[in-house]
Amino acid sequence: MPDTIPEFSVKIAETEEELRAAQALRYDVFVRELGGQGPLVDHSAGLEQDRFDPFFDHMLVTDEAKGIVVGVYRLLRDDQAARAGQFYSEDEYDLSRLKASGRRLLELGRSCLHRDYRGGMAMFHLWSGLADYVDQHRIEILFGVASFHGTDPRALANSLSMLHHNHLAPPELRVRSKLFQSMNLMQEVDLNRKQAMVETPALIKAYLRLGGFVGEGAFIDQMFNTTDVCLILDTARMNDRQRRIYTGGNSRR
């Protein structure tokens, strides 16, 4: 944990310097830690970037006591996606059902925390900032890909099968992987549920606690060295307990 008491602030990046700070943290996590790559990754400058960055809003959590960005979230509303020509995750998933719903959509991505701030309050501030953003823009459905490290689905059979059997999205929200990798790798009766939850990344478990679902099928992302699932959160389906978790105890719609 940090050696000084953090004083967190949350904002949307407004300058090139703030955007580069987000891209630098992404580089530390997605490239240095996880071995990801990409055609626009700048190794000399230590920046993880892609062609979608100019269209997204970039939410930053800053430790003001140290003056460093310690958490980021990349946010793309449906009106921004129209200008970009697509949602980022449309390269991996068929989003036709979400886009045809007529509801306000927000795509989430590139969520990460500095290694020294994981398991602390930084994630709470990131979620609280997201709740404010959703309220401000009247977002109804949140979605985006989240990743397991590694590209061997057999090693993830417990977790992927648990998601398939217990958390599959309802038909009207059920997006489908374009390079389909079945998540139905084990019979439900054979699942080791405890092991499955231990091996499921914290971000995915957070969405599940809020009542989130997953789309049908995983996507093997060789470039990022990950196995991706598409998470979907319909704010209208959240119960009071889930809404309190999501908003940090404040009643926002």
Protein backbone atom coordinates (compact mmCIF):
# COMPACT_ATOMS: atom_id res chain seq x y z
CA MET A 1 0.00 0.00 0.00
CA PRO A 2 1.12 3.62 -0.45
CA ASP A 3 3.38 5.01 2.31
CA THR A 4 1.30 8.20 2.60
CA ILE A 5 -2.45 8.50 3.08
CA PRO A 6 -3.99 8.89 -0.40
CA GLU A 7 -6.21 11.86 -1.19
CA PHE A 8 -8.19 10.77 -4.24
CA SER A 9 -9.77 12.89 -6.94
CA VAL A 10 -11.82 11.70 -9.92
CA LYS A 11 -12.19 13.50 -13.23
CA ILE A 12 -12.49 13.08 -16.99
CA ALA A 13 -9.21 13.77 -18.81
CA GLU A 14 -9.26 17.19 -20.45
CA THR A 15 -5.69 17.62 -21.71
CA GLU A 16 -3.15 15.64 -23.72
CA GLU A 17 -1.03 15.38 -20.58
CA GLU A 18 -3.90 13.75 -18.67
CA LEU A 19 -4.59 11.37 -21.54
CA ARG A 20 -0.91 10.36 -21.63
CA ALA A 21 -1.03 9.70 -17.88
CA ALA A 22 -3.91 7.28 -18.48
CA GLN A 23 -2.09 5.61 -21.36
CA ALA A 24 1.07 5.29 -19.24
CA LEU A 25 -0.80 3.46 -16.48
CA ARG A 26 -2.42 1.23 -19.09
CA TYR A 27 1.03 0.44 -20.46
CA ASP A 28 2.29 -0.58 -17.01
CA VAL A 29 -0.66 -2.93 -16.50
CA PHE A 30 -1.59 -4.27 -19.92
CA VAL A 31 1.85 -4.37 -21.56
CA ARG A 32 4.45 -4.70 -18.80
CA GLU A 33 2.37 -6.89 -16.45
CA LEU A 34 0.15 -8.84 -18.83
CA GLY A 35 2.24 -8.94 -22.00
CA GLY A 36 -0.28 -7.20 -24.25
CA GLN A 37 0.59 -5.57 -27.56
CA GLY A 38 -1.10 -3.46 -30.21
CA PRO A 39 -0.28 -1.67 -33.46
CA LEU A 40 -0.16 1.79 -31.83
CA VAL A 41 1.55 0.84 -28.54
CA ASP A 42 4.48 3.22 -28.02
CA HIS A 43 7.17 1.23 -26.22
CA SER A 44 9.71 4.04 -26.22
CA ALA A 45 7.31 6.44 -24.49
CA GLY A 46 5.62 3.69 -22.45
CA LEU A 47 2.09 4.41 -23.71
CA GLU A 48 -0.69 1.88 -24.42
CA GLN A 49 -2.91 3.53 -27.00
CA ASP A 50 -5.16 2.73 -29.94
CA ARG A 51 -7.22 4.43 -32.63
CA PHE A 52 -10.30 4.61 -30.36
CA ASP A 53 -8.72 6.80 -27.68
CA PRO A 54 -9.74 10.12 -29.30
CA PHE A 55 -13.42 9.14 -29.16
CA PHE A 56 -13.55 7.89 -25.55
CA ASP A 57 -13.87 9.79 -22.31
CA HIS A 58 -11.01 8.79 -20.00
CA MET A 59 -11.84 8.73 -16.29
CA LEU A 60 -8.85 9.24 -14.01
CA VAL A 61 -8.42 8.55 -10.31
CA THR A 62 -5.48 10.55 -8.99
CA ASP A 63 -3.67 10.24 -5.67
CA GLU A 64 -3.34 13.97 -5.05
CA ALA A 65 -0.88 13.42 -2.18
CA LYS A 66 1.59 11.95 -4.69
CA GLY A 67 0.36 13.61 -7.85
CA ILE A 68 0.02 10.35 -9.80
CA VAL A 69 -2.82 8.72 -11.72
CA VAL A 70 -3.59 5.40 -10.01
CA GLY A 71 -6.79 4.28 -11.78
CA VAL A 72 -8.37 4.68 -15.19
CA TYR A 73 -11.57 3.76 -16.98
CA ARG A 74 -12.30 4.31 -20.67
CA LEU A 75 -15.91 5.28 -21.44
CA LEU A 76 -17.71 5.39 -24.81
CA ARG A 77 -21.33 6.50 -25.07
CA ASP A 78 -23.46 5.46 -28.02
CA ASP A 79 -23.27 8.97 -29.53
CA GLN A 80 -19.46 8.84 -29.35
CA ALA A 81 -19.46 5.35 -30.90
CA ALA A 82 -21.44 6.74 -33.83
CA ARG A 83 -18.63 9.22 -34.47
CA ALA A 84 -16.01 6.47 -34.10
CA GLY A 85 -17.92 4.25 -36.54
CA GLN A 86 -18.38 1.41 -34.03
CA PHE A 87 -18.01 0.37 -30.43
CA TYR A 88 -14.56 -0.94 -29.55
CA SER A 89 -15.88 -4.38 -28.58
CA GLU A 90 -17.68 -4.82 -31.92
CA ASP A 91 -14.40 -6.27 -33.17
CA GLU A 92 -15.04 -9.17 -30.78
CA TYR A 93 -18.82 -9.34 -30.21
CA ASP A 94 -21.98 -8.95 -32.25
CA LEU A 95 -23.73 -6.11 -30.41
CA SER A 96 -26.82 -6.03 -32.62
CA ARG A 97 -29.24 -6.78 -29.79
CA LEU A 98 -27.90 -4.02 -27.58
CA LYS A 99 -27.86 -1.49 -30.41
CA ALA A 100 -31.42 -2.41 -31.40
CA SER A 101 -32.72 -1.98 -27.84
CA GLY A 102 -33.27 1.76 -28.23
CA ARG A 103 -31.71 2.31 -24.81
CA ARG A 104 -28.78 4.54 -23.83
CA LEU A 105 -25.55 2.52 -24.00
CA LEU A 106 -22.15 3.02 -22.40
CA GLU A 107 -19.16 0.87 -23.28
CA LEU A 108 -16.52 0.43 -20.58
CA GLY A 109 -12.95 -0.64 -21.15
CA ARG A 110 -9.27 -0.45 -20.20
CA SER A 111 -10.13 -0.47 -16.49
CA CYS A 112 -6.99 -0.82 -14.40
CA LEU A 113 -5.38 0.22 -11.13
CA HIS A 114 -1.77 0.87 -10.20
CA ARG A 115 -0.42 -2.26 -8.51
CA ASP A 116 0.10 -0.41 -5.19
CA TYR A 117 -3.54 0.66 -5.00
CA ARG A 118 -5.34 -2.61 -5.63
CA GLY A 119 -7.61 -3.83 -2.88
CA GLY A 120 -8.00 -0.33 -1.43
CA MET A 121 -10.18 2.73 -1.87
CA ALA A 122 -9.03 3.65 -5.36
CA MET A 123 -11.49 1.19 -6.94
CA PHE A 124 -14.31 2.61 -4.83
CA HIS A 125 -13.58 6.09 -6.18
CA LEU A 126 -13.45 4.74 -9.74
CA TRP A 127 -16.87 3.10 -9.31
CA SER A 128 -18.30 6.19 -7.62
CA GLY A 129 -17.10 8.36 -10.50
CA LEU A 130 -18.64 5.92 -12.97
CA ALA A 131 -21.99 6.06 -11.13
CA ASP A 132 -21.97 9.86 -11.37
CA TYR A 133 -21.14 9.68 -15.08
CA VAL A 134 -23.97 7.19 -15.73
CA ASP A 135 -26.40 9.44 -13.86
CA GLN A 136 -25.24 12.56 -15.71
CA HIS A 137 -25.66 10.98 -19.15
CA ARG A 138 -28.78 8.91 -18.28
CA ILE A 139 -27.11 5.66 -19.26
CA GLU A 140 -29.33 2.57 -19.12
CA ILE A 141 -27.04 -0.31 -20.17
CA LEU A 142 -23.33 -0.63 -19.42
CA PHE A 143 -21.22 -3.21 -21.22
CA GLY A 144 -17.69 -4.06 -22.22
CA VAL A 145 -15.15 -6.84 -22.47
CA ALA A 146 -13.30 -8.03 -19.38
CA SER A 147 -10.37 -10.38 -19.47
CA PHE A 148 -8.88 -13.49 -17.98
CA HIS A 149 -5.11 -13.67 -18.33
CA GLY A 150 -3.99 -16.29 -20.84
CA THR A 151 -5.38 -17.77 -24.04
CA ASP A 152 -6.00 -21.42 -23.08
CA PRO A 153 -9.72 -21.82 -22.35
CA ARG A 154 -9.12 -25.27 -20.86
CA ALA A 155 -7.18 -23.67 -18.01
CA LEU A 156 -10.20 -21.43 -17.38
CA ALA A 157 -12.85 -24.14 -17.74
CA ASN A 158 -14.20 -23.80 -14.19
CA SER A 159 -14.66 -20.04 -14.33
CA LEU A 160 -15.96 -19.85 -17.89
CA SER A 161 -18.42 -22.68 -17.30
CA MET A 162 -19.62 -21.04 -14.08
CA LEU A 163 -20.32 -17.84 -15.99
CA HIS A 164 -22.13 -19.74 -18.75
CA HIS A 165 -24.35 -21.77 -16.42
CA ASN A 166 -25.13 -19.09 -13.83
CA HIS A 167 -24.74 -15.65 -15.38
CA LEU A 168 -25.72 -15.81 -19.06
CA ALA A 169 -27.53 -12.68 -20.24
CA PRO A 170 -31.25 -12.87 -21.07
CA PRO A 171 -31.94 -13.39 -24.78
CA GLU A 172 -32.73 -9.73 -25.51
CA LEU A 173 -29.30 -8.66 -24.18
CA ARG A 174 -27.27 -11.72 -25.19
CA VAL A 175 -24.43 -10.57 -27.41
CA ARG A 176 -22.38 -13.29 -29.08
CA SER A 177 -18.67 -13.71 -29.68
CA LYS A 178 -17.66 -13.35 -33.33
CA LEU A 179 -14.77 -15.84 -33.04
CA PHE A 180 -16.84 -18.14 -30.90
CA GLN A 181 -15.16 -19.95 -28.03
CA SER A 182 -17.73 -21.89 -26.03
CA MET A 183 -17.79 -21.21 -22.30
CA ASN A 184 -19.80 -24.37 -21.72
CA LEU A 185 -16.70 -26.46 -21.02
CA MET A 186 -17.94 -28.41 -17.99
CA GLN A 187 -21.25 -29.83 -16.83
CA GLU A 188 -22.79 -27.68 -14.11
CA VAL A 189 -22.78 -30.60 -11.70
CA ASP A 190 -18.99 -30.92 -12.08
CA LEU A 191 -18.18 -27.30 -11.28
CA ASN A 192 -15.91 -26.42 -8.39
CA ARG A 193 -17.68 -23.15 -7.58
CA LYS A 194 -15.18 -22.04 -4.95
CA GLN A 195 -12.27 -22.52 -7.32
CA ALA A 196 -14.20 -20.80 -10.11
CA MET A 197 -14.76 -17.67 -8.03
CA VAL A 198 -11.16 -17.58 -6.78
CA GLU A 199 -9.90 -17.74 -10.36
CA THR A 200 -12.34 -15.12 -11.69
CA PRO A 201 -10.83 -11.60 -11.93
CA ALA A 202 -12.03 -9.05 -9.38
CA LEU A 203 -13.59 -6.76 -12.00
CA ILE A 204 -15.80 -9.56 -13.34
CA LYS A 205 -16.88 -10.55 -9.82
CA ALA A 206 -17.74 -6.91 -9.10
CA TYR A 207 -20.12 -6.81 -12.08
CA LEU A 208 -21.70 -10.09 -11.03
CA ARG A 209 -22.36 -8.70 -7.54
CA LEU A 210 -24.20 -5.81 -9.19
CA GLY A 211 -26.40 -8.21 -11.15
CA GLY A 212 -24.35 -8.20 -14.33
CA PHE A 213 -24.51 -10.84 -17.05
CA VAL A 214 -22.14 -12.22 -19.66
CA GLY A 215 -22.66 -12.62 -23.37
CA GLU A 216 -22.56 -15.96 -25.14
CA GLY A 217 -19.11 -17.30 -25.85
CA ALA A 218 -15.63 -16.04 -25.04
CA PHE A 219 -13.17 -14.37 -27.39
CA ILE A 220 -9.50 -15.38 -27.45
CA ASP A 221 -7.43 -12.20 -27.88
CA GLN A 222 -3.97 -13.35 -28.92
CA MET A 223 -2.64 -9.78 -29.21
CA PHE A 224 -3.47 -8.97 -25.57
CA ASN A 225 -2.77 -12.51 -24.29
CA THR A 226 -6.26 -12.72 -22.78
CA THR A 227 -9.53 -14.63 -22.90
CA ASP A 228 -12.33 -12.06 -23.01
CA VAL A 229 -15.95 -12.18 -21.93
CA CYS A 230 -18.53 -9.49 -22.59
CA LEU A 231 -20.15 -8.11 -19.44
CA ILE A 232 -23.58 -6.45 -19.57
CA LEU A 233 -25.21 -4.48 -16.74
CA ASP A 234 -28.81 -3.32 -17.11
CA THR A 235 -29.36 -0.60 -14.51
CA ALA A 236 -33.13 -1.15 -14.60
CA ARG A 237 -32.65 -4.72 -13.31
CA MET A 238 -30.56 -3.75 -10.29
CA ASN A 239 -32.22 -4.33 -6.93
CA ASP A 240 -31.92 -1.87 -4.03
CA ARG A 241 -28.95 -3.67 -2.47
CA GLN A 242 -27.06 -3.76 -5.76
CA ARG A 243 -27.86 -0.10 -6.42
CA ARG A 244 -26.48 0.90 -3.01
CA ILE A 245 -23.23 -0.97 -3.75
CA TYR A 246 -22.97 0.65 -7.16
CA THR A 247 -23.66 4.22 -6.01
CA GLY A 248 -21.69 4.02 -2.78
CA GLY A 249 -24.84 4.28 -0.68
CA ASN A 250 -26.37 7.20 -2.57
CA SER A 251 -29.67 6.70 -4.38
CA ARG A 252 -28.95 7.73 -7.97
CA ARG A 253 -31.00 6.86 -11.04
